[in-house]
N, C-alpha and C. Protein backbone atom coordinates (compact mmCIF):
# COMPACT_ATOMS: atom_id res chain seq x y z
N MET A 1 0.86 -1.17 0.00
CA MET A 1 0.00 0.00 0.00
C MET A 1 0.91 1.24 0.00
N PRO A 2 0.69 2.16 -0.95
CA PRO A 2 1.54 3.35 -1.02
C PRO A 2 1.30 4.31 0.15
N HIS A 3 2.31 5.11 0.41
CA HIS A 3 2.23 6.13 1.45
C HIS A 3 2.54 7.48 0.86
N VAL A 4 1.91 8.51 1.42
CA VAL A 4 2.11 9.88 0.97
C VAL A 4 2.36 10.73 2.22
N VAL A 5 3.24 11.70 2.10
CA VAL A 5 3.44 12.64 3.19
C VAL A 5 2.68 13.91 2.83
N VAL A 6 1.73 14.26 3.68
CA VAL A 6 0.90 15.45 3.48
C VAL A 6 1.30 16.47 4.53
N ASN A 7 1.53 17.70 4.11
CA ASN A 7 1.90 18.77 5.04
C ASN A 7 0.69 19.62 5.35
N ILE A 8 0.33 19.67 6.65
CA ILE A 8 -0.77 20.50 7.12
C ILE A 8 -0.21 21.43 8.18
N ASN A 9 -0.38 22.71 7.96
CA ASN A 9 0.09 23.72 8.91
C ASN A 9 1.58 23.54 9.22
N GLY A 10 2.35 23.21 8.17
CA GLY A 10 3.80 23.08 8.33
C GLY A 10 4.25 21.79 8.97
N LYS A 11 3.36 20.87 9.22
CA LYS A 11 3.73 19.61 9.85
C LYS A 11 3.45 18.46 8.89
N PRO A 12 4.41 17.53 8.77
CA PRO A 12 4.21 16.39 7.86
C PRO A 12 3.37 15.29 8.52
N TYR A 13 2.48 14.70 7.73
CA TYR A 13 1.67 13.58 8.17
C TYR A 13 1.79 12.47 7.12
N ARG A 14 2.27 11.30 7.55
CA ARG A 14 2.43 10.17 6.64
C ARG A 14 1.10 9.43 6.60
N MET A 15 0.58 9.24 5.38
CA MET A 15 -0.73 8.61 5.22
C MET A 15 -0.66 7.52 4.17
N ALA A 16 -1.41 6.45 4.40
CA ALA A 16 -1.52 5.36 3.43
C ALA A 16 -2.72 5.62 2.53
N CYS A 17 -2.62 5.09 1.31
CA CYS A 17 -3.75 5.22 0.38
C CYS A 17 -3.73 4.05 -0.59
N ASP A 18 -4.80 3.94 -1.35
CA ASP A 18 -4.87 2.89 -2.38
C ASP A 18 -3.92 3.22 -3.52
N GLU A 19 -3.50 2.19 -4.21
CA GLU A 19 -2.63 2.34 -5.37
C GLU A 19 -3.27 3.29 -6.39
N GLY A 20 -2.52 4.26 -6.86
CA GLY A 20 -3.02 5.20 -7.86
C GLY A 20 -3.70 6.43 -7.26
N GLN A 21 -3.87 6.47 -5.94
CA GLN A 21 -4.56 7.58 -5.29
C GLN A 21 -3.60 8.59 -4.65
N GLU A 22 -2.31 8.40 -4.88
CA GLU A 22 -1.31 9.25 -4.23
C GLU A 22 -1.50 10.73 -4.58
N THR A 23 -1.64 11.03 -5.84
CA THR A 23 -1.79 12.41 -6.29
C THR A 23 -3.07 13.03 -5.72
N HIS A 24 -4.13 12.25 -5.72
CA HIS A 24 -5.41 12.73 -5.18
C HIS A 24 -5.29 13.05 -3.69
N LEU A 25 -4.66 12.15 -2.93
CA LEU A 25 -4.49 12.38 -1.50
C LEU A 25 -3.62 13.60 -1.25
N GLN A 26 -2.59 13.77 -2.05
CA GLN A 26 -1.71 14.94 -1.92
C GLN A 26 -2.53 16.22 -2.17
N ALA A 27 -3.38 16.21 -3.18
CA ALA A 27 -4.21 17.38 -3.50
C ALA A 27 -5.20 17.67 -2.37
N LEU A 28 -5.77 16.63 -1.78
CA LEU A 28 -6.68 16.83 -0.65
C LEU A 28 -5.95 17.46 0.53
N GLY A 29 -4.75 16.98 0.79
CA GLY A 29 -3.95 17.55 1.87
C GLY A 29 -3.63 19.01 1.62
N GLU A 30 -3.29 19.34 0.39
CA GLU A 30 -3.01 20.74 0.04
C GLU A 30 -4.25 21.61 0.23
N ARG A 31 -5.39 21.05 -0.11
CA ARG A 31 -6.62 21.82 0.05
C ARG A 31 -6.93 22.08 1.53
N LEU A 32 -6.78 21.04 2.36
CA LEU A 32 -6.99 21.22 3.79
C LEU A 32 -5.99 22.22 4.36
N ASP A 33 -4.74 22.12 3.91
CA ASP A 33 -3.73 23.07 4.37
C ASP A 33 -4.12 24.50 3.96
N GLY A 34 -4.75 24.64 2.80
CA GLY A 34 -5.24 25.96 2.37
C GLY A 34 -6.28 26.51 3.33
N TYR A 35 -7.19 25.65 3.80
CA TYR A 35 -8.19 26.08 4.79
C TYR A 35 -7.49 26.53 6.08
N VAL A 36 -6.52 25.74 6.53
CA VAL A 36 -5.80 26.06 7.77
C VAL A 36 -5.06 27.39 7.61
N THR A 37 -4.38 27.57 6.48
CA THR A 37 -3.64 28.80 6.23
C THR A 37 -4.57 30.01 6.20
N SER A 38 -5.73 29.84 5.57
CA SER A 38 -6.72 30.92 5.51
C SER A 38 -7.20 31.28 6.91
N LEU A 39 -7.49 30.27 7.71
CA LEU A 39 -7.95 30.52 9.08
C LEU A 39 -6.86 31.21 9.91
N LYS A 40 -5.62 30.74 9.77
CA LYS A 40 -4.53 31.36 10.52
C LYS A 40 -4.42 32.85 10.18
N GLY A 41 -4.66 33.18 8.90
CA GLY A 41 -4.59 34.57 8.49
C GLY A 41 -5.70 35.41 9.08
N SER A 42 -6.86 34.80 9.32
CA SER A 42 -7.99 35.59 9.82
C SER A 42 -8.16 35.54 11.34
N VAL A 43 -7.79 34.42 11.99
CA VAL A 43 -7.99 34.32 13.44
C VAL A 43 -6.67 34.27 14.20
N GLY A 44 -5.56 34.15 13.52
CA GLY A 44 -4.26 34.09 14.19
C GLY A 44 -3.98 32.70 14.73
N GLU A 45 -2.96 32.62 15.57
CA GLU A 45 -2.56 31.34 16.17
C GLU A 45 -3.51 31.02 17.33
N ILE A 46 -4.29 29.97 17.17
CA ILE A 46 -5.26 29.61 18.21
C ILE A 46 -5.06 28.17 18.68
N GLY A 47 -3.98 27.57 18.27
CA GLY A 47 -3.71 26.18 18.65
C GLY A 47 -3.98 25.26 17.47
N ASP A 48 -3.08 24.30 17.31
CA ASP A 48 -3.17 23.38 16.16
C ASP A 48 -4.47 22.60 16.11
N GLN A 49 -4.87 22.06 17.25
CA GLN A 49 -6.07 21.22 17.27
C GLN A 49 -7.30 22.04 16.91
N ARG A 50 -7.46 23.19 17.52
CA ARG A 50 -8.62 24.05 17.24
C ARG A 50 -8.61 24.51 15.78
N LEU A 51 -7.44 24.88 15.30
CA LEU A 51 -7.30 25.33 13.92
C LEU A 51 -7.69 24.21 12.94
N THR A 52 -7.24 23.00 13.23
CA THR A 52 -7.57 21.86 12.38
C THR A 52 -9.06 21.55 12.41
N VAL A 53 -9.67 21.61 13.58
CA VAL A 53 -11.12 21.37 13.70
C VAL A 53 -11.89 22.43 12.91
N MET A 54 -11.49 23.68 13.06
CA MET A 54 -12.17 24.76 12.32
C MET A 54 -12.02 24.57 10.81
N ALA A 55 -10.84 24.16 10.37
CA ALA A 55 -10.62 23.91 8.95
C ALA A 55 -11.49 22.75 8.47
N GLY A 56 -11.62 21.71 9.31
CA GLY A 56 -12.49 20.58 8.98
C GLY A 56 -13.94 21.00 8.86
N VAL A 57 -14.38 21.88 9.76
CA VAL A 57 -15.75 22.40 9.70
C VAL A 57 -15.95 23.22 8.42
N MET A 58 -14.96 24.04 8.07
CA MET A 58 -15.06 24.83 6.83
C MET A 58 -15.16 23.92 5.60
N ALA A 59 -14.34 22.89 5.58
CA ALA A 59 -14.35 21.96 4.45
C ALA A 59 -15.69 21.22 4.39
N THR A 60 -16.21 20.82 5.55
CA THR A 60 -17.50 20.13 5.59
C THR A 60 -18.62 21.06 5.14
N ASP A 61 -18.55 22.33 5.53
CA ASP A 61 -19.54 23.32 5.09
C ASP A 61 -19.53 23.45 3.57
N ALA A 62 -18.33 23.52 2.99
CA ALA A 62 -18.23 23.60 1.52
C ALA A 62 -18.81 22.35 0.87
N LEU A 63 -18.57 21.19 1.46
CA LEU A 63 -19.11 19.94 0.95
C LEU A 63 -20.63 19.93 0.99
N VAL A 64 -21.21 20.36 2.13
CA VAL A 64 -22.67 20.39 2.27
C VAL A 64 -23.28 21.34 1.25
N GLU A 65 -22.68 22.51 1.07
CA GLU A 65 -23.19 23.46 0.07
C GLU A 65 -23.14 22.85 -1.33
N ALA A 66 -22.05 22.16 -1.65
CA ALA A 66 -21.94 21.51 -2.96
C ALA A 66 -23.00 20.42 -3.13
N GLU A 67 -23.23 19.63 -2.07
CA GLU A 67 -24.26 18.59 -2.14
C GLU A 67 -25.65 19.19 -2.35
N GLN A 68 -25.93 20.32 -1.70
CA GLN A 68 -27.22 20.98 -1.87
C GLN A 68 -27.37 21.51 -3.31
N ARG A 69 -26.30 22.08 -3.85
CA ARG A 69 -26.36 22.57 -5.23
C ARG A 69 -26.57 21.40 -6.20
N ILE A 70 -25.90 20.29 -5.95
CA ILE A 70 -26.06 19.12 -6.80
C ILE A 70 -27.49 18.60 -6.73
N ALA A 71 -28.05 18.53 -5.53
CA ALA A 71 -29.44 18.06 -5.37
C ALA A 71 -30.40 18.99 -6.11
N LYS A 72 -30.17 20.29 -6.02
CA LYS A 72 -31.03 21.25 -6.72
C LYS A 72 -30.92 21.07 -8.24
N MET A 73 -29.69 20.90 -8.72
CA MET A 73 -29.48 20.70 -10.17
C MET A 73 -30.10 19.39 -10.63
N GLU A 74 -30.00 18.34 -9.82
CA GLU A 74 -30.61 17.06 -10.19
C GLU A 74 -32.13 17.20 -10.29
N ALA A 75 -32.73 17.96 -9.37
CA ALA A 75 -34.17 18.20 -9.42
C ALA A 75 -34.54 18.99 -10.67
N GLU A 76 -33.72 19.98 -11.02
CA GLU A 76 -33.98 20.77 -12.23
C GLU A 76 -33.86 19.91 -13.47
N VAL A 77 -32.87 19.03 -13.52
CA VAL A 77 -32.71 18.12 -14.66
C VAL A 77 -33.92 17.20 -14.76
N LYS A 78 -34.39 16.70 -13.63
CA LYS A 78 -35.57 15.82 -13.62
C LYS A 78 -36.78 16.56 -14.18
N ASP A 79 -36.99 17.81 -13.74
CA ASP A 79 -38.10 18.62 -14.24
C ASP A 79 -37.97 18.88 -15.74
N LEU A 80 -36.75 19.20 -16.19
CA LEU A 80 -36.54 19.45 -17.61
C LEU A 80 -36.80 18.20 -18.45
N ARG A 81 -36.37 17.05 -17.94
CA ARG A 81 -36.62 15.80 -18.66
C ARG A 81 -38.12 15.54 -18.77
N ALA A 82 -38.86 15.81 -17.70
CA ALA A 82 -40.31 15.62 -17.72
C ALA A 82 -40.95 16.56 -18.73
N GLN A 83 -40.47 17.81 -18.78
CA GLN A 83 -41.00 18.77 -19.75
C GLN A 83 -40.72 18.31 -21.18
N VAL A 84 -39.50 17.83 -21.43
CA VAL A 84 -39.14 17.36 -22.77
C VAL A 84 -40.00 16.16 -23.16
N GLU A 85 -40.20 15.24 -22.23
CA GLU A 85 -41.04 14.07 -22.51
C GLU A 85 -42.48 14.49 -22.80
N ALA A 86 -42.99 15.46 -22.05
CA ALA A 86 -44.35 15.94 -22.27
C ALA A 86 -44.46 16.61 -23.64
N GLN A 87 -43.46 17.40 -23.99
CA GLN A 87 -43.47 18.06 -25.30
C GLN A 87 -43.37 17.04 -26.42
N SER A 88 -42.55 16.02 -26.21
CA SER A 88 -42.40 14.97 -27.23
C SER A 88 -43.73 14.25 -27.44
N ALA A 89 -44.41 13.94 -26.34
CA ALA A 89 -45.71 13.26 -26.44
C ALA A 89 -46.71 14.15 -27.16
N THR A 90 -46.72 15.44 -26.84
CA THR A 90 -47.63 16.38 -27.50
C THR A 90 -47.31 16.47 -28.98
N SER A 91 -46.02 16.50 -29.31
CA SER A 91 -45.61 16.57 -30.71
C SER A 91 -46.04 15.34 -31.49
N VAL A 92 -45.90 14.17 -30.87
CA VAL A 92 -46.32 12.93 -31.51
C VAL A 92 -47.81 12.95 -31.77
N GLU A 93 -48.59 13.40 -30.78
CA GLU A 93 -50.03 13.48 -30.95
C GLU A 93 -50.39 14.47 -32.05
N ALA A 94 -49.71 15.63 -32.07
CA ALA A 94 -49.98 16.63 -33.09
C ALA A 94 -49.60 16.10 -34.46
N ASN A 95 -48.48 15.40 -34.56
CA ASN A 95 -48.07 14.82 -35.83
C ASN A 95 -49.06 13.76 -36.28
N SER A 96 -49.53 12.95 -35.35
CA SER A 96 -50.51 11.92 -35.71
C SER A 96 -51.79 12.56 -36.22
N GLU A 97 -52.22 13.64 -35.56
CA GLU A 97 -53.43 14.34 -35.99
C GLU A 97 -53.23 14.96 -37.37
N THR A 98 -52.06 15.57 -37.60
CA THR A 98 -51.77 16.17 -38.91
C THR A 98 -51.74 15.11 -40.00
N ILE A 99 -51.11 13.98 -39.71
CA ILE A 99 -51.07 12.89 -40.69
C ILE A 99 -52.47 12.39 -40.99
N SER A 100 -53.29 12.26 -39.97
CA SER A 100 -54.67 11.82 -40.16
C SER A 100 -55.44 12.81 -41.04
N GLN A 101 -55.26 14.10 -40.77
CA GLN A 101 -55.93 15.13 -41.58
C GLN A 101 -55.44 15.09 -43.02
N LEU A 102 -54.13 14.89 -43.21
CA LEU A 102 -53.60 14.79 -44.58
C LEU A 102 -54.14 13.56 -45.29
N ASN A 103 -54.27 12.45 -44.58
CA ASN A 103 -54.85 11.24 -45.18
C ASN A 103 -56.30 11.49 -45.59
N ASP A 104 -57.07 12.15 -44.71
CA ASP A 104 -58.46 12.46 -45.03
C ASP A 104 -58.53 13.37 -46.26
N ALA A 105 -57.65 14.38 -46.31
CA ALA A 105 -57.64 15.30 -47.46
C ALA A 105 -57.27 14.56 -48.73
N THR A 106 -56.31 13.65 -48.63
CA THR A 106 -55.89 12.86 -49.80
C THR A 106 -57.05 12.00 -50.30
N LYS A 107 -57.78 11.39 -49.39
CA LYS A 107 -58.94 10.58 -49.79
C LYS A 107 -59.98 11.44 -50.48
N ALA A 108 -60.22 12.64 -49.94
CA ALA A 108 -61.21 13.53 -50.54
C ALA A 108 -60.76 13.95 -51.94
N VAL A 109 -59.50 14.29 -52.10
CA VAL A 109 -58.97 14.68 -53.42
C VAL A 109 -59.06 13.51 -54.38
N ASN A 110 -58.75 12.31 -53.92
CA ASN A 110 -58.85 11.13 -54.79
C ASN A 110 -60.29 10.87 -55.22
N LYS A 111 -61.26 11.08 -54.31
CA LYS A 111 -62.66 10.91 -54.67
C LYS A 111 -63.06 11.90 -55.75
N ILE A 112 -62.63 13.15 -55.55
CA ILE A 112 -62.95 14.18 -56.56
C ILE A 112 -62.31 13.81 -57.89
N ALA A 113 -61.05 13.35 -57.85
CA ALA A 113 -60.35 12.96 -59.08
C ALA A 113 -61.07 11.80 -59.74
N ASP A 114 -61.54 10.83 -58.96
CA ASP A 114 -62.27 9.69 -59.51
C ASP A 114 -63.57 10.14 -60.17
N ARG A 115 -64.29 11.10 -59.54
CA ARG A 115 -65.53 11.61 -60.11
C ARG A 115 -65.26 12.34 -61.43
N LEU A 116 -64.17 13.11 -61.41
CA LEU A 116 -63.83 13.85 -62.64
C LEU A 116 -63.46 12.87 -63.76
N LYS A 117 -62.79 11.80 -63.46
CA LYS A 117 -62.43 10.81 -64.46
C LYS A 117 -63.67 10.09 -64.99
N ALA A 118 -64.64 9.88 -64.09
CA ALA A 118 -65.84 9.14 -64.48
C ALA A 118 -66.79 10.00 -65.30
N ARG A 119 -66.69 11.29 -65.30
CA ARG A 119 -67.57 12.18 -66.08
C ARG A 119 -67.33 11.98 -67.56
N PRO A 120 -68.40 12.04 -68.28
CA PRO A 120 -68.21 11.94 -69.74
C PRO A 120 -67.54 13.22 -70.25
N ALA A 121 -66.75 13.08 -71.21
CA ALA A 121 -66.06 14.24 -71.81
C ALA A 121 -67.04 15.14 -72.48
N GLU A 122 -66.94 16.41 -72.30
CA GLU A 122 -67.87 17.36 -72.92
C GLU A 122 -67.37 17.88 -74.21
């Protein structure tokens, strides 16, 4: 199992991960370190443990907001799909009605043509 050293708040942490996930784990560590650095800039030195907990809460807040946006987008996609399906059904019905009307008109024209053919020449 591969290991990665992730630096958080200037301290190295050796972590294990699945094969092929090293780069991803490194990026996650850098992102968490970014939260910690941002907090240190705004609240100062408040202790490593508290700083790490606050950074974890910030990251979790960002995750929850992203999940809510995803849920909202999924609901919008569902609504749009329903609208498209309804429009498609309406279009099929309208096309069927138009085809039926064209068939009726064709029959009427053919009847008139048959009558004209059956008339004696003047």
